[in-house]
């Protein structure tokens, strides 16, 4: 059974870009004939791996509103991987919209909200994208979401199946009893990631802080950063946790939260917003959840959480153990198994109709 996974256009070589590669690789290692198409913006940070296998086709494709969807449709219609696939799995909304106009069987594997958040664009634009995605989802064989939080936010009337995401296992490098280093923030410098909350949470605290990423707000953040904050810019994932005593995730919305999972798997304590879909899987202790999974509106609790983790070695160590134990259950191999089982169900339902 040939399955083509599609994610295009992508504006960064971070979350979905990396997860898609790992997911398809894991599926292939389990014996599935899975292929991957990645359409990436020319301005995306980072570089394509030089040793890409033949089952990955990464091509240049810039976002461009509805015109971008039309260009993507043209690429997909003429691509051999799509033409010969028994099923296509879309990994981002723009791919949903393109596939909905084609005569191919496909699944929408939703990994983030399909429309801009309030404050990111006008009400009219948000309404248009919301409408287009809902029309697209009506034509999918199935709609999947990575977390319950995302499924609820979709407001989708049809049944949405939860198919968990995961990452490639990361070696634990932090136990919480080390001398504390820096508070680390890692995401796109965009409104929905709420980077200014991080600046407020660390300003004047007795520890250094680092921000990793790139995006439209970078210059504003550099201009307004407190003295203890280093705006590092884009970096390779393996560089993020070397000196971190805490990962701070401030997003207004985060369907999953790959960086939080990477940090937790590495043993780095996390302080994240209650918008993170992965929060319920990583922080399962009620008291820890109260202290470290926070509303974005209460800056005093963010500052207290970071201060407590910086000064309390036992707290860091206990929390680190808790996170590592829970993170170990969210591997890419388990995710690939869940995806394969979901594909089997969808194709089986199609044969019985």
Protein backbone atom coordinates (compact mmCIF):
# COMPACT_ATOMS: atom_id res chain seq x y z
CA UNK A 1 0.00 0.00 0.00
CA UNK A 2 1.56 3.26 -1.14
CA UNK A 3 0.93 6.31 1.03
CA UNK A 4 2.13 9.82 0.21
CA UNK A 5 2.45 12.35 3.06
CA UNK A 6 2.25 16.00 2.01
CA UNK A 7 3.23 19.18 3.87
CA UNK A 8 3.33 22.34 1.76
CA UNK A 9 3.98 25.18 1.90
CA UNK A 10 6.12 25.31 5.04
CA UNK A 11 7.64 28.58 6.23
CA UNK A 12 10.24 27.01 8.55
CA UNK A 13 12.32 23.86 8.88
CA UNK A 14 11.15 23.29 12.43
CA UNK A 15 8.02 21.58 13.84
CA UNK A 16 6.04 19.96 11.02
CA UNK A 17 9.10 19.80 8.75
CA UNK A 18 11.05 17.69 11.24
CA UNK A 19 8.07 15.69 12.51
CA UNK A 20 7.02 14.72 8.98
CA UNK A 21 10.47 13.43 8.17
CA UNK A 22 10.67 11.42 11.39
CA UNK A 23 7.14 10.02 11.02
CA UNK A 24 7.63 8.75 7.48
CA UNK A 25 11.07 7.35 8.33
CA UNK A 26 9.59 5.48 11.29
CA UNK A 27 6.77 4.10 9.17
CA UNK A 28 9.20 2.89 6.53
CA UNK A 29 11.32 1.20 9.21
CA UNK A 30 8.15 -0.66 10.24
CA UNK A 31 7.73 -1.97 6.68
CA UNK A 32 5.27 0.54 5.22
CA UNK A 33 5.62 2.02 1.72
CA UNK A 34 5.40 5.66 2.78
CA UNK A 35 6.75 8.66 0.85
CA UNK A 36 7.03 12.36 1.73
CA UNK A 37 6.55 15.59 -0.22
CA UNK A 38 7.76 18.79 1.45
CA UNK A 39 7.16 22.20 -0.10
CA UNK A 40 9.36 24.74 1.69
CA UNK A 41 9.52 28.51 1.40
CA UNK A 42 12.69 29.94 -0.10
CA UNK A 43 13.08 32.13 3.00
CA UNK A 44 12.91 29.22 5.49
CA UNK A 45 15.80 29.06 7.93
CA UNK A 46 18.17 26.12 7.84
CA UNK A 47 19.10 23.84 4.98
CA UNK A 48 17.84 20.61 3.51
CA UNK A 49 19.93 17.60 4.60
CA UNK A 50 22.49 16.75 1.96
CA UNK A 51 21.90 13.00 2.33
CA UNK A 52 18.15 12.92 1.79
CA UNK A 53 16.82 9.48 0.78
CA UNK A 54 14.89 9.04 -2.45
CA UNK A 55 11.56 8.72 -0.64
CA UNK A 56 11.69 12.42 0.29
CA UNK A 57 10.98 15.06 -2.34
CA UNK A 58 11.64 18.53 -0.97
CA UNK A 59 10.81 21.34 -3.36
CA UNK A 60 10.60 25.13 -3.19
CA UNK A 61 7.11 26.55 -2.72
CA UNK A 62 6.33 29.94 -1.22
CA UNK A 63 3.07 30.75 0.58
CA UNK A 64 0.81 33.11 -1.31
CA UNK A 65 -2.73 32.99 -0.04
CA UNK A 66 -5.25 31.42 -2.39
CA UNK A 67 -2.78 31.71 -5.28
CA UNK A 68 -0.38 29.57 -3.27
CA UNK A 69 -3.05 26.87 -2.95
CA UNK A 70 -3.54 26.94 -6.72
CA UNK A 71 0.22 26.55 -7.29
CA UNK A 72 0.34 23.66 -4.81
CA UNK A 73 -2.57 21.94 -6.55
CA UNK A 74 -0.70 22.15 -9.83
CA UNK A 75 2.39 20.56 -8.26
CA UNK A 76 0.42 17.74 -6.63
CA UNK A 77 -1.60 16.94 -9.75
CA UNK A 78 1.56 16.36 -11.76
CA UNK A 79 3.62 14.61 -9.06
CA UNK A 80 4.22 10.89 -9.53
CA UNK A 81 4.11 10.12 -5.80
CA UNK A 82 0.59 11.48 -5.54
CA UNK A 83 -0.54 9.92 -8.81
CA UNK A 84 0.60 6.43 -7.79
CA UNK A 85 -0.42 6.57 -4.11
CA UNK A 86 -3.28 4.51 -2.74
CA UNK A 87 -3.83 7.24 -0.15
CA UNK A 88 -2.53 10.74 0.60
CA UNK A 89 -2.11 12.12 4.13
CA UNK A 90 -2.08 15.91 4.41
CA UNK A 91 -0.11 17.41 7.29
CA UNK A 92 -1.02 21.11 7.03
CA UNK A 93 -4.17 23.07 6.09
CA UNK A 94 -2.93 24.41 2.76
CA UNK A 95 -2.35 20.83 1.63
CA UNK A 96 -5.90 20.00 2.76
CA UNK A 97 -7.28 22.79 0.60
CA UNK A 98 -5.33 21.70 -2.47
CA UNK A 99 -6.22 18.02 -2.10
CA UNK A 100 -9.90 18.83 -1.62
CA UNK A 101 -10.02 20.01 -5.24
CA UNK A 102 -8.52 16.76 -6.57
CA UNK A 103 -9.86 13.28 -7.20
CA UNK A 104 -7.58 11.46 -4.77
CA UNK A 105 -8.43 9.68 -1.50
CA UNK A 106 -6.87 11.61 1.37
CA UNK A 107 -6.78 12.08 5.15
CA UNK A 108 -6.44 15.42 6.92
CA UNK A 109 -3.96 14.90 9.77
CA UNK A 110 -4.42 18.28 11.47
CA UNK A 111 -1.35 19.34 13.45
CA UNK A 112 -2.21 22.99 14.03
CA UNK A 113 -5.22 25.28 13.85
CA UNK A 114 -6.04 25.88 10.17
CA UNK A 115 -6.75 29.60 10.55
CA UNK A 116 -4.78 32.57 11.92
CA UNK A 117 -5.28 33.52 15.55
CA UNK A 118 -6.87 36.77 16.65
CA UNK A 119 -4.23 39.48 16.32
CA UNK A 120 -2.36 37.70 13.52
CA UNK A 121 -4.64 38.93 10.73
CA UNK A 122 -7.92 40.70 10.08
CA UNK A 123 -11.26 39.17 11.02
CA UNK A 124 -12.13 38.91 7.32
CA UNK A 125 -8.98 36.95 6.50
CA UNK A 126 -9.44 34.61 9.46
CA UNK A 127 -13.02 33.97 8.39
CA UNK A 128 -11.98 33.16 4.81
CA UNK A 129 -9.33 30.66 5.89
CA UNK A 130 -11.67 29.09 8.44
CA UNK A 131 -14.32 28.65 5.76
CA UNK A 132 -11.90 27.21 3.20
CA UNK A 133 -10.50 24.67 5.64
CA UNK A 134 -13.93 23.55 6.80
CA UNK A 135 -14.97 23.02 3.20
CA UNK A 136 -11.79 21.04 2.61
CA UNK A 137 -12.29 18.82 5.66
CA UNK A 138 -15.73 17.81 4.40
CA UNK A 139 -14.02 16.08 1.48
CA UNK A 140 -11.43 14.17 3.51
CA UNK A 141 -11.82 10.43 4.11
CA UNK A 142 -11.02 11.12 7.78
CA UNK A 143 -9.97 14.00 10.01
CA UNK A 144 -7.27 13.33 12.59
CA UNK A 145 -5.82 15.60 15.27
CA UNK A 146 -2.69 15.14 17.37
CA UNK A 147 -4.20 16.18 20.72
CA UNK A 148 -7.53 16.61 22.47
CA UNK A 149 -6.82 20.35 22.81
CA UNK A 150 -6.50 20.70 19.06
CA UNK A 151 -9.57 18.58 18.41
CA UNK A 152 -11.64 20.84 20.68
CA UNK A 153 -10.31 23.99 19.02
CA UNK A 154 -11.20 22.70 15.57
CA UNK A 155 -14.91 22.97 16.44
CA UNK A 156 -15.42 20.21 13.89
CA UNK A 157 -18.86 18.62 13.95
CA UNK A 158 -17.83 15.30 12.44
CA UNK A 159 -15.90 12.76 14.48
CA UNK A 160 -12.24 13.68 14.82
CA UNK A 161 -9.86 10.84 15.65
CA UNK A 162 -6.95 11.52 18.00
CA UNK A 163 -3.77 10.12 16.44
CA UNK A 164 -0.90 11.04 18.79
CA UNK A 165 2.24 12.69 17.53
CA UNK A 166 5.71 11.80 18.78
CA UNK A 167 9.40 12.45 18.25
CA UNK A 168 12.53 10.44 17.77
CA UNK A 169 13.89 9.44 21.20
CA UNK A 170 16.33 11.92 22.69
CA UNK A 171 19.04 10.93 25.16
CA UNK A 172 18.54 12.36 28.62
CA UNK A 173 21.26 14.90 29.36
CA UNK A 174 19.75 16.78 32.31
CA UNK A 175 18.80 15.42 35.75
CA UNK A 176 17.90 18.69 37.43
CA UNK A 177 20.68 18.58 40.02
CA UNK A 178 23.18 20.45 37.85
CA UNK A 179 24.04 24.10 38.55
CA UNK A 180 21.27 26.09 36.82
CA UNK A 181 22.15 27.65 33.47
CA UNK A 182 19.78 29.62 31.25
CA UNK A 183 16.04 29.83 30.81
CA UNK A 184 15.40 28.88 27.16
CA UNK A 185 12.64 29.93 24.76
CA UNK A 186 12.58 28.32 21.28
CA UNK A 187 9.98 29.06 18.60
CA UNK A 188 9.21 31.30 15.65
CA UNK A 189 9.37 35.00 16.48
CA UNK A 190 5.68 35.44 15.66
CA UNK A 191 2.68 36.84 17.47
CA UNK A 192 1.07 33.46 18.22
CA UNK A 193 4.21 32.26 20.03
CA UNK A 194 3.85 35.22 22.44
CA UNK A 195 7.60 35.95 22.86
CA UNK A 196 7.04 39.15 24.83
CA UNK A 197 5.66 37.14 27.74
CA UNK A 198 9.04 35.42 28.00
CA UNK A 199 10.81 38.79 28.20
CA UNK A 200 8.48 39.87 30.99
CA UNK A 201 8.89 36.58 32.86
CA UNK A 202 12.70 36.71 32.94
CA UNK A 203 13.31 40.46 33.23
CA UNK A 204 15.29 41.30 36.34
CA UNK A 205 15.52 37.65 37.44
CA UNK A 206 18.83 36.39 38.73
CA UNK A 207 19.62 34.13 35.81
CA UNK A 208 20.45 34.45 32.09
CA UNK A 209 17.91 33.72 29.37
CA UNK A 210 18.19 32.76 25.71
CA UNK A 211 15.73 33.02 22.80
CA UNK A 212 16.17 30.73 19.80
CA UNK A 213 14.28 31.23 16.57
CA UNK A 214 13.65 33.56 13.66
CA UNK A 215 10.74 35.53 12.30
CA UNK A 216 9.10 38.88 11.75
CA UNK A 217 9.36 40.07 15.38
CA UNK A 218 13.10 39.48 15.74
CA UNK A 219 14.24 43.08 15.45
CA UNK A 220 11.55 44.29 17.86
CA UNK A 221 12.56 41.68 20.39
CA UNK A 222 16.24 42.56 20.09
CA UNK A 223 15.43 46.22 20.66
CA UNK A 224 13.32 45.53 23.75
CA UNK A 225 15.15 42.63 25.37
CA UNK A 226 16.28 43.03 29.01
CA UNK A 227 20.01 42.91 29.76
CA UNK A 228 19.88 39.26 30.89
CA UNK A 229 18.34 38.02 27.61
CA UNK A 230 20.41 36.86 24.63
CA UNK A 231 18.50 36.75 21.30
CA UNK A 232 20.46 33.91 19.73
CA UNK A 233 18.47 33.47 16.53
CA UNK A 234 17.92 30.24 14.64
CA UNK A 235 19.96 27.26 15.85
CA UNK A 236 20.07 23.52 15.30
CA UNK A 237 17.78 21.58 17.65
CA UNK A 238 20.65 19.76 19.35
CA UNK A 239 22.06 23.09 20.55
CA UNK A 240 18.99 24.18 22.50
CA UNK A 241 19.21 22.22 25.74
CA UNK A 242 22.94 22.10 26.48
CA UNK A 243 22.83 24.83 29.15
CA UNK A 244 19.11 25.04 29.92
CA UNK A 245 17.67 24.74 33.42
CA UNK A 246 14.14 25.33 32.07
CA UNK A 247 12.27 25.51 28.78
CA UNK A 248 9.63 28.25 28.65
CA UNK A 249 6.73 27.92 26.18
CA UNK A 250 4.56 31.03 26.06
CA UNK A 251 2.34 30.40 23.01
CA UNK A 252 -1.23 31.64 22.85
CA UNK A 253 -1.97 28.37 21.07
CA UNK A 254 0.19 25.31 20.53
CA UNK A 255 -1.61 22.32 19.07
CA UNK A 256 1.11 19.93 20.19
CA UNK A 257 4.37 21.52 21.31
CA UNK A 258 7.37 19.68 19.91
CA UNK A 259 9.95 21.84 21.71
CA UNK A 260 8.30 21.12 25.06
CA UNK A 261 8.46 17.39 24.36
CA UNK A 262 12.10 17.59 23.26
CA UNK A 263 13.00 19.47 26.43
CA UNK A 264 11.09 17.04 28.64
CA UNK A 265 12.66 14.01 26.98
CA UNK A 266 16.08 15.58 27.55
CA UNK A 267 15.24 16.06 31.25
CA UNK A 268 14.85 19.84 31.09
CA UNK A 269 12.00 21.15 33.32
CA UNK A 270 9.28 22.98 31.39
CA UNK A 271 7.05 25.95 32.17
CA UNK A 272 4.42 26.20 29.47
CA UNK A 273 1.08 27.82 28.74
CA UNK A 274 -2.13 25.86 29.16
CA UNK A 275 -2.61 26.18 25.39
CA UNK A 276 -0.03 23.42 24.77
CA UNK A 277 -1.75 20.24 23.59
CA UNK A 278 1.10 18.09 24.86
CA UNK A 279 0.79 19.50 28.40
CA UNK A 280 -1.74 16.91 29.56
CA UNK A 281 0.61 14.10 28.51
CA UNK A 282 3.79 15.55 30.01
CA UNK A 283 2.60 17.09 33.29
CA UNK A 284 0.28 14.54 34.88
CA UNK A 285 0.84 15.43 38.53
CA UNK A 286 -1.88 17.84 39.71
CA UNK A 287 0.40 20.02 41.86
CA UNK A 288 3.08 20.26 39.17
CA UNK A 289 0.42 21.14 36.63
CA UNK A 290 -0.84 23.95 38.85
CA UNK A 291 2.68 25.35 39.20
CA UNK A 292 4.08 24.86 35.73
CA UNK A 293 1.20 24.81 33.19
CA UNK A 294 0.00 28.40 33.32
CA UNK A 295 -2.45 30.87 31.80
CA UNK A 296 -0.72 33.50 29.69
CA UNK A 297 -2.54 36.25 31.58
CA UNK A 298 -0.88 35.76 34.99
CA UNK A 299 2.70 37.05 34.71
CA UNK A 300 3.34 36.73 38.46
CA UNK A 301 2.89 32.96 38.31
CA UNK A 302 5.33 32.70 35.40
CA UNK A 303 7.96 34.67 37.29
CA UNK A 304 7.43 32.60 40.45
CA UNK A 305 7.63 29.30 38.56
CA UNK A 306 10.95 30.23 36.96
CA UNK A 307 12.36 31.58 40.22
CA UNK A 308 11.37 28.39 42.09
CA UNK A 309 12.98 26.12 39.53
CA UNK A 310 16.14 28.22 39.50
CA UNK A 311 16.62 28.09 43.27
CA UNK A 312 15.25 24.67 44.28
CA UNK A 313 17.48 21.76 43.25
CA UNK A 314 15.14 19.10 44.64
CA UNK A 315 12.20 20.55 42.75
CA UNK A 316 14.13 20.60 39.49
CA UNK A 317 15.27 17.01 39.99
CA UNK A 318 11.83 15.65 40.91
CA UNK A 319 10.14 17.48 38.05
CA UNK A 320 12.82 16.35 35.60
CA UNK A 321 12.22 12.68 36.50
CA UNK A 322 8.46 13.15 36.12
CA UNK A 323 8.81 14.68 32.66
CA UNK A 324 11.28 12.11 31.36
CA UNK A 325 9.00 9.26 32.42
CA UNK A 326 5.99 10.75 30.62
CA UNK A 327 7.93 11.90 27.55
CA UNK A 328 9.27 8.38 26.98
CA UNK A 329 5.74 7.33 25.96
CA UNK A 330 5.54 9.89 23.12
CA UNK A 331 7.95 8.39 20.60
CA UNK A 332 7.80 8.61 16.84
CA UNK A 333 7.62 4.82 16.56
CA UNK A 334 4.41 4.74 18.60
CA UNK A 335 3.02 7.57 16.50
CA UNK A 336 3.83 5.73 13.27
CA UNK A 337 2.07 2.63 14.60
CA UNK A 338 -1.02 4.71 15.38
CA UNK A 339 -0.94 6.30 11.91
CA UNK A 340 -0.61 2.90 10.23
CA UNK A 341 -3.55 1.54 12.22
CA UNK A 342 -5.60 4.60 11.29
CA UNK A 343 -4.79 4.22 7.61
CA UNK A 344 -5.82 0.58 7.74
CA UNK A 345 -9.16 1.51 9.30
CA UNK A 346 -9.85 4.22 6.73
CA UNK A 347 -9.04 2.02 3.74
CA UNK A 348 -11.06 -0.83 5.26
CA UNK A 349 -14.08 1.43 5.64
CA UNK A 350 -13.72 2.51 2.02
CA UNK A 351 -13.86 -1.09 0.81
CA UNK A 352 -17.01 -1.87 2.77
CA UNK A 353 -19.05 1.06 1.47
